[in-house]
PDB file of N, CA and C in Angstrom:
ATOM      1  N   MET A   1      55.034  67.827  86.142  1.00  0.00           N
ATOM      2  CA  MET A   1      53.160  66.991  86.290  1.00  0.00           C
ATOM      3  C   MET A   1      53.490  65.614  85.784  1.00  0.00           C
ATOM      4  N   LYS A   2      53.953  65.417  84.459  1.00  0.00           N
ATOM      5  CA  LYS A   2      54.277  64.082  84.144  1.00  0.00           C
ATOM      6  C   LYS A   2      54.673  63.247  85.449  1.00  0.00           C
ATOM      7  N   LEU A   3      55.692  63.644  86.199  1.00  0.00           N
ATOM      8  CA  LEU A   3      56.249  62.526  87.159  1.00  0.00           C
ATOM      9  C   LEU A   3      55.116  62.461  88.085  1.00  0.00           C
ATOM     10  N   ALA A   4      54.367  63.384  88.330  1.00  0.00           N
ATOM     11  CA  ALA A   4      53.259  63.119  89.449  1.00  0.00           C
ATOM     12  C   ALA A   4      52.386  62.235  88.904  1.00  0.00           C
ATOM     13  N   LEU A   5      51.799  62.477  87.626  1.00  0.00           N
ATOM     14  CA  LEU A   5      51.111  61.409  87.033  1.00  0.00           C
ATOM     15  C   LEU A   5      51.142  60.051  86.918  1.00  0.00           C
ATOM     16  N   ILE A   6      52.489  60.042  86.441  1.00  0.00           N
ATOM     17  CA  ILE A   6      53.223  58.269  86.645  1.00  0.00           C
ATOM     18  C   ILE A   6      52.984  57.777  88.240  1.00  0.00           C
ATOM     19  N   GLY A   7      53.440  58.621  88.924  1.00  0.00           N
ATOM     20  CA  GLY A   7      53.377  58.326  90.328  1.00  0.00           C
ATOM     21  C   GLY A   7      52.078  57.596  90.816  1.00  0.00           C
ATOM     22  N   VAL A   8      51.145  58.547  90.236  1.00  0.00           N
ATOM     23  CA  VAL A   8      49.840  58.426  90.598  1.00  0.00           C
ATOM     24  C   VAL A   8      49.193  57.096  90.057  1.00  0.00           C
ATOM     25  N   ALA A   9      49.907  56.918  89.032  1.00  0.00           N
ATOM     26  CA  ALA A   9      49.425  55.903  88.095  1.00  0.00           C
ATOM     27  C   ALA A   9      49.683  54.242  88.728  1.00  0.00           C
ATOM     28  N   ILE A  10      51.230  54.283  88.735  1.00  0.00           N
ATOM     29  CA  ILE A  10      52.292  53.709  89.725  1.00  0.00           C
ATOM     30  C   ILE A  10      51.432  53.352  91.059  1.00  0.00           C
ATOM     31  N   GLY A  11      50.960  54.303  91.681  1.00  0.00           N
ATOM     32  CA  GLY A  11      50.732  53.950  93.268  1.00  0.00           C
ATOM     33  C   GLY A  11      49.088  53.500  93.083  1.00  0.00           C
ATOM     34  N   LEU A  12      48.217  53.730  92.024  1.00  0.00           N
ATOM     35  CA  LEU A  12      46.821  52.983  91.598  1.00  0.00           C
ATOM     36  C   LEU A  12      47.014  51.406  91.837  1.00  0.00           C
ATOM     37  N   GLY A  13      48.102  51.138  90.865  1.00  0.00           N
ATOM     38  CA  GLY A  13      48.470  50.104  90.527  1.00  0.00           C
ATOM     39  C   GLY A  13      48.935  48.899  91.599  1.00  0.00           C
ATOM     40  N   LEU A  14      49.722  49.326  92.523  1.00  0.00           N
ATOM     41  CA  LEU A  14      49.881  49.018  93.625  1.00  0.00           C
ATOM     42  C   LEU A  14      48.979  48.902  94.853  1.00  0.00           C
ATOM     43  N   ALA A  15      48.165  50.161  94.607  1.00  0.00           N
ATOM     44  CA  ALA A  15      46.975  49.851  95.831  1.00  0.00           C
ATOM     45  C   ALA A  15      46.136  48.938  95.631  1.00  0.00           C
ATOM     46  N   PHE A  16      45.757  48.649  94.251  1.00  0.00           N
ATOM     47  CA  PHE A  16      44.673  47.592  93.758  1.00  0.00           C
ATOM     48  C   PHE A  16      45.518  46.327  94.103  1.00  0.00           C
ATOM     49  N   TRP A  17      46.599  46.183  94.019  1.00  0.00           N
ATOM     50  CA  TRP A  17      47.331  44.627  94.496  1.00  0.00           C
ATOM     51  C   TRP A  17      47.273  44.824  95.764  1.00  0.00           C
ATOM     52  N   VAL A  18      47.831  45.793  96.532  1.00  0.00           N
ATOM     53  CA  VAL A  18      48.058  45.698  97.958  1.00  0.00           C
ATOM     54  C   VAL A  18      46.685  45.293  98.702  1.00  0.00           C
ATOM     55  N   THR A  19      45.771  45.844  97.925  1.00  0.00           N
ATOM     56  CA  THR A  19      44.369  45.620  98.742  1.00  0.00           C
ATOM     57  C   THR A  19      43.922  44.344  99.001  1.00  0.00           C
ATOM     58  N   ARG A  20      44.047  43.253  98.156  1.00  0.00           N
ATOM     59  CA  ARG A  20      43.963  41.703  98.723  1.00  0.00           C
ATOM     60  C   ARG A  20      44.396  41.489  99.751  1.00  0.00           C
ATOM     61  N   TYR A  21      45.545  41.925 100.223  1.00  0.00           N
ATOM     62  CA  TYR A  21      46.167  41.188 101.337  1.00  0.00           C
ATOM     63  C   TYR A  21      46.103  42.159 102.828  1.00  0.00           C
ATOM     64  N   MET A  22      45.492  43.068 102.487  1.00  0.00           N
ATOM     65  CA  MET A  22      44.807  44.370 103.685  1.00  0.00           C
ATOM     66  C   MET A  22      43.469  44.454 103.455  1.00  0.00           C
ATOM     67  N   ALA A  23      42.722  43.209 103.113  1.00  0.00           N
ATOM     68  CA  ALA A  23      41.167  43.511 103.104  1.00  0.00           C
ATOM     69  C   ALA A  23      40.801  42.941 104.466  1.00  0.00           C
ATOM     70  N   THR A  24      41.393  42.071 105.348  1.00  0.00           N
ATOM     71  CA  THR A  24      40.818  41.973 106.930  1.00  0.00           C
ATOM     72  C   THR A  24      41.261  43.007 107.668  1.00  0.00           C
ATOM     73  N   MET A  25      42.158  44.060 107.189  1.00  0.00           N
ATOM     74  CA  MET A  25      42.503  44.820 108.469  1.00  0.00           C
ATOM     75  C   MET A  25      41.354  46.180 108.030  1.00  0.00           C
ATOM     76  N   LEU A  26      40.720  46.309 106.877  1.00  0.00           N
ATOM     77  CA  LEU A  26      39.810  47.546 106.659  1.00  0.00           C
ATOM     78  C   LEU A  26      38.470  46.987 107.028  1.00  0.00           C
ATOM     79  N   PHE A  27      38.021  48.053 108.036  1.00  0.00           N
ATOM     80  CA  PHE A  27      36.750  48.059 108.403  1.00  0.00           C
ATOM     81  C   PHE A  27      35.747  49.054 108.058  1.00  0.00           C
ATOM     82  N   GLY A  28      34.663  48.813 107.400  1.00  0.00           N
ATOM     83  CA  GLY A  28      33.889  49.821 107.177  1.00  0.00           C
ATOM     84  C   GLY A  28      33.728  50.166 105.481  1.00  0.00           C
ATOM     85  N   VAL A  29      34.963  49.877 105.031  1.00  0.00           N
ATOM     86  CA  VAL A  29      35.252  50.388 103.424  1.00  0.00           C
ATOM     87  C   VAL A  29      35.631  49.110 102.788  1.00  0.00           C
ATOM     88  N   GLU A  30      34.882  49.122 101.434  1.00  0.00           N
ATOM     89  CA  GLU A  30      35.567  47.997 100.922  1.00  0.00           C
ATOM     90  C   GLU A  30      37.032  48.041 100.142  1.00  0.00           C
ATOM     91  N   PRO A  31      37.268  47.162  99.929  1.00  0.00           N
ATOM     92  CA  PRO A  31      39.099  46.857  99.653  1.00  0.00           C
ATOM     93  C   PRO A  31      39.595  47.881  98.461  1.00  0.00           C
ATOM     94  N   THR A  32      38.097  47.998  97.494  1.00  0.00           N
ATOM     95  CA  THR A  32      38.575  48.650  95.823  1.00  0.00           C
ATOM     96  C   THR A  32      37.416  49.598  95.916  1.00  0.00           C
ATOM     97  N   ASP A  33      37.305  50.308  96.875  1.00  0.00           N
ATOM     98  CA  ASP A  33      36.126  51.278  97.148  1.00  0.00           C
ATOM     99  C   ASP A  33      36.499  52.439  95.940  1.00  0.00           C
ATOM    100  N   ALA A  34      35.799  52.743  95.199  1.00  0.00           N
ATOM    101  CA  ALA A  34      36.196  54.034  93.939  1.00  0.00           C
ATOM    102  C   ALA A  34      36.117  55.295  94.388  1.00  0.00           C
ATOM    103  N   THR A  35      35.304  55.598  95.409  1.00  0.00           N
ATOM    104  CA  THR A  35      35.172  56.579  95.933  1.00  0.00           C
ATOM    105  C   THR A  35      36.424  57.082  96.541  1.00  0.00           C
ATOM    106  N   THR A  36      36.779  55.842  97.427  1.00  0.00           N
ATOM    107  CA  THR A  36      38.339  56.629  98.307  1.00  0.00           C
ATOM    108  C   THR A  36      39.261  56.644  97.308  1.00  0.00           C
ATOM    109  N   PHE A  37      39.422  55.496  96.496  1.00  0.00           N
ATOM    110  CA  PHE A  37      40.639  55.619  95.332  1.00  0.00           C
ATOM    111  C   PHE A  37      40.492  57.017  94.610  1.00  0.00           C
ATOM    112  N   GLY A  38      39.245  57.404  94.256  1.00  0.00           N
ATOM    113  CA  GLY A  38      39.194  58.378  93.114  1.00  0.00           C
ATOM    114  C   GLY A  38      39.664  59.788  94.017  1.00  0.00           C
ATOM    115  N   GLY A  39      38.835  59.664  95.326  1.00  0.00           N
ATOM    116  CA  GLY A  39      39.213  61.040  95.997  1.00  0.00           C
ATOM    117  C   GLY A  39      40.496  61.173  96.341  1.00  0.00           C
ATOM    118  N   ILE A  40      41.178  60.289  96.640  1.00  0.00           N
ATOM    119  CA  ILE A  40      42.810  60.320  97.113  1.00  0.00           C
ATOM    120  C   ILE A  40      43.669  60.761  95.742  1.00  0.00           C
ATOM    121  N   THR A  41      43.119  60.038  94.334  1.00  0.00           N
ATOM    122  CA  THR A  41      43.884  60.475  93.343  1.00  0.00           C
ATOM    123  C   THR A  41      43.454  62.036  92.912  1.00  0.00           C
ATOM    124  N   ALA A  42      42.493  62.337  92.882  1.00  0.00           N
ATOM    125  CA  ALA A  42      42.326  63.757  92.890  1.00  0.00           C
ATOM    126  C   ALA A  42      43.051  64.603  93.965  1.00  0.00           C
ATOM    127  N   ILE A  43      43.058  64.514  94.775  1.00  0.00           N
ATOM    128  CA  ILE A  43      43.657  65.185  96.015  1.00  0.00           C
ATOM    129  C   ILE A  43      45.339  65.590  95.560  1.00  0.00           C
ATOM    130  N   LEU A  44      45.687  64.110  95.173  1.00  0.00           N
ATOM    131  CA  LEU A  44      47.020  64.129  94.931  1.00  0.00           C
ATOM    132  C   LEU A  44      47.911  64.799  93.496  1.00  0.00           C
ATOM    133  N   VAL A  45      46.665  64.953  92.777  1.00  0.00           N
ATOM    134  CA  VAL A  45      46.795  65.497  91.150  1.00  0.00           C
ATOM    135  C   VAL A  45      46.864  66.956  91.805  1.00  0.00           C
ATOM    136  N   ALA A  46      45.642  67.592  92.609  1.00  0.00           N
ATOM    137  CA  ALA A  46      45.366  69.133  92.502  1.00  0.00           C
ATOM    138  C   ALA A  46      46.864  69.366  93.435  1.00  0.00           C
ATOM    139  N   VAL A  47      47.367  68.666  94.342  1.00  0.00           N
ATOM    140  CA  VAL A  47      48.321  69.210  95.144  1.00  0.00           C
ATOM    141  C   VAL A  47      49.497  69.348  94.483  1.00  0.00           C
ATOM    142  N   ALA A  48      49.809  68.191  93.324  1.00  0.00           N
ATOM    143  CA  ALA A  48      50.993  68.016  92.340  1.00  0.00           C
ATOM    144  C   ALA A  48      50.993  69.379  91.288  1.00  0.00           C
ATOM    145  N   LEU A  49      49.534  69.690  90.845  1.00  0.00           N
ATOM    146  CA  LEU A  49      49.445  70.919  90.359  1.00  0.00           C
ATOM    147  C   LEU A  49      49.815  72.222  90.583  1.00  0.00           C
ATOM    148  N   LEU A  50      49.548  71.901  91.850  1.00  0.00           N
ATOM    149  CA  LEU A  50      49.629  73.600  92.566  1.00  0.00           C
ATOM    150  C   LEU A  50      51.109  73.349  92.795  1.00  0.00           C
ATOM    151  N   ALA A  51      52.069  72.423  93.071  1.00  0.00           N
ATOM    152  CA  ALA A  51      53.338  72.333  93.448  1.00  0.00           C
ATOM    153  C   ALA A  51      53.854  72.581  91.972  1.00  0.00           C
ATOM    154  N   CYS A  52      53.388  72.476  90.794  1.00  0.00           N
ATOM    155  CA  CYS A  52      54.065  72.780  89.472  1.00  0.00           C
ATOM    156  C   CYS A  52      53.547  74.370  89.179  1.00  0.00           C
ATOM    157  N   TYR A  53      52.378  74.855  89.485  1.00  0.00           N
ATOM    158  CA  TYR A  53      51.751  76.108  88.938  1.00  0.00           C
ATOM    159  C   TYR A  53      52.645  77.220  89.591  1.00  0.00           C
ATOM    160  N   LEU A  54      52.621  77.136  91.193  1.00  0.00           N
ATOM    161  CA  LEU A  54      53.190  78.334  91.607  1.00  0.00           C
ATOM    162  C   LEU A  54      54.640  78.400  91.609  1.00  0.00           C
ATOM    163  N   PRO A  55      55.607  77.925  91.581  1.00  0.00           N
ATOM    164  CA  PRO A  55      56.607  78.587  91.015  1.00  0.00           C
ATOM    165  C   PRO A  55      57.019  78.268  89.709  1.00  0.00           C
ATOM    166  N   GLY A  56      56.018  77.957  88.487  1.00  0.00           N
ATOM    167  CA  GLY A  56      56.007  78.317  87.471  1.00  0.00           C
ATOM    168  C   GLY A  56      55.792  79.690  87.068  1.00  0.00           C
ATOM    169  N   ARG A  57      54.343  80.046  87.625  1.00  0.00           N
ATOM    170  CA  ARG A  57      54.125  81.537  87.976  1.00  0.00           C
ATOM    171  C   ARG A  57      55.157  82.009  88.334  1.00  0.00           C
ATOM    172  N   ARG A  58      55.624  82.405  89.546  1.00  0.00           N
ATOM    173  CA  ARG A  58      56.563  83.105  89.997  1.00  0.00           C
ATOM    174  C   ARG A  58      57.589  83.092  88.871  1.00  0.00           C
ATOM    175  N   ALA A  59      58.288  82.106  88.303  1.00  0.00           N
ATOM    176  CA  ALA A  59      59.218  82.372  87.246  1.00  0.00           C
ATOM    177  C   ALA A  59      58.989  83.354  86.127  1.00  0.00           C
ATOM    178  N   THR A  60      57.781  82.905  85.636  1.00  0.00           N
ATOM    179  CA  THR A  60      57.290  83.751  84.533  1.00  0.00           C
ATOM    180  C   THR A  60      57.126  85.663  85.151  1.00  0.00           C
ATOM    181  N   LYS A  61      57.564  85.853  86.231  1.00  0.00           N
ATOM    182  CA  LYS A  61      57.620  86.969  86.648  1.00  0.00           C
ATOM    183  C   LYS A  61      58.683  87.595  86.850  1.00  0.00           C
ATOM    184  N   VAL A  62      60.080  87.029  86.567  1.00  0.00           N
ATOM    185  CA  VAL A  62      61.671  87.309  86.444  1.00  0.00           C
ATOM    186  C   VAL A  62      61.730  87.901  85.278  1.00  0.00           C
ATOM    187  N   GLU A  63      62.505  88.736  84.863  1.00  0.00           N
ATOM    188  CA  GLU A  63      62.841  89.316  83.732  1.00  0.00           C
ATOM    189  C   GLU A  63      64.010  88.251  83.495  1.00  0.00           C
ATOM    190  N   PRO A  64      63.666  87.757  82.023  1.00  0.00           N
ATOM    191  CA  PRO A  64      64.840  86.865  81.661  1.00  0.00           C
ATOM    192  C   PRO A  64      66.458  87.364  81.617  1.00  0.00           C
ATOM    193  N   THR A  65      66.455  88.751  80.981  1.00  0.00           N
ATOM    194  CA  THR A  65      67.984  89.066  81.344  1.00  0.00           C
ATOM    195  C   THR A  65      68.484  89.277  83.034  1.00  0.00           C
ATOM    196  N   ILE A  66      68.077  89.668  83.792  1.00  0.00           N
ATOM    197  CA  ILE A  66      68.111  89.652  85.310  1.00  0.00           C
ATOM    198  C   ILE A  66      68.362  88.286  85.643  1.00  0.00           C
ATOM    199  N   SER A  67      67.506  87.266  85.337  1.00  0.00           N
ATOM    200  CA  SER A  67      68.315  85.828  85.435  1.00  0.00           C
ATOM    201  C   SER A  67      69.404  85.281  84.791  1.00  0.00           C
ATOM    202  N   LEU A  68      69.284  85.786  83.627  1.00  0.00           N
ATOM    203  CA  LEU A  68      70.855  85.520  83.010  1.00  0.00           C
ATOM    204  C   LEU A  68      72.199  85.819  83.261  1.00  0.00           C
ATOM    205  N   ARG A  69      71.714  87.203  83.901  1.00  0.00           N
ATOM    206  CA  ARG A  69      73.170  88.394  84.516  1.00  0.00           C
ATOM    207  C   ARG A  69      73.315  87.433  85.741  1.00  0.00           C
ATOM    208  N   TYR A  70      72.936  86.818  86.016  1.00  0.00           N
ATOM    209  CA  TYR A  70      72.393  86.422  88.048  1.00  0.00           C
ATOM    210  C   TYR A  70      73.741  85.484  88.041  1.00  0.00           C
ATOM    211  N   GLU A  71      74.242  84.555  86.721  1.00  0.00           N
ATOM    212  CA  GLU A  71      74.853  83.793  87.169  1.00  0.00           C
ATOM    213  C   GLU A  71      76.125  84.158  86.178  1.00  0.00           C
TER     214      GLU A  71
END
């Protein structure tokens, strides 16, 4: 999850920087629209959290001795 948050932070920084150059191509949306940036950030963090949670939950259901004997 830490890597996902770092990636989101870097992506937000780059997105704010790139919007200056793309402002002429955006129609009906401000280049630094807080709702758009916040919504996309929330979706990305939620997907990353789900991607971390599901395998972790499945791993807790495996007995440790079985997984150690497997190798």
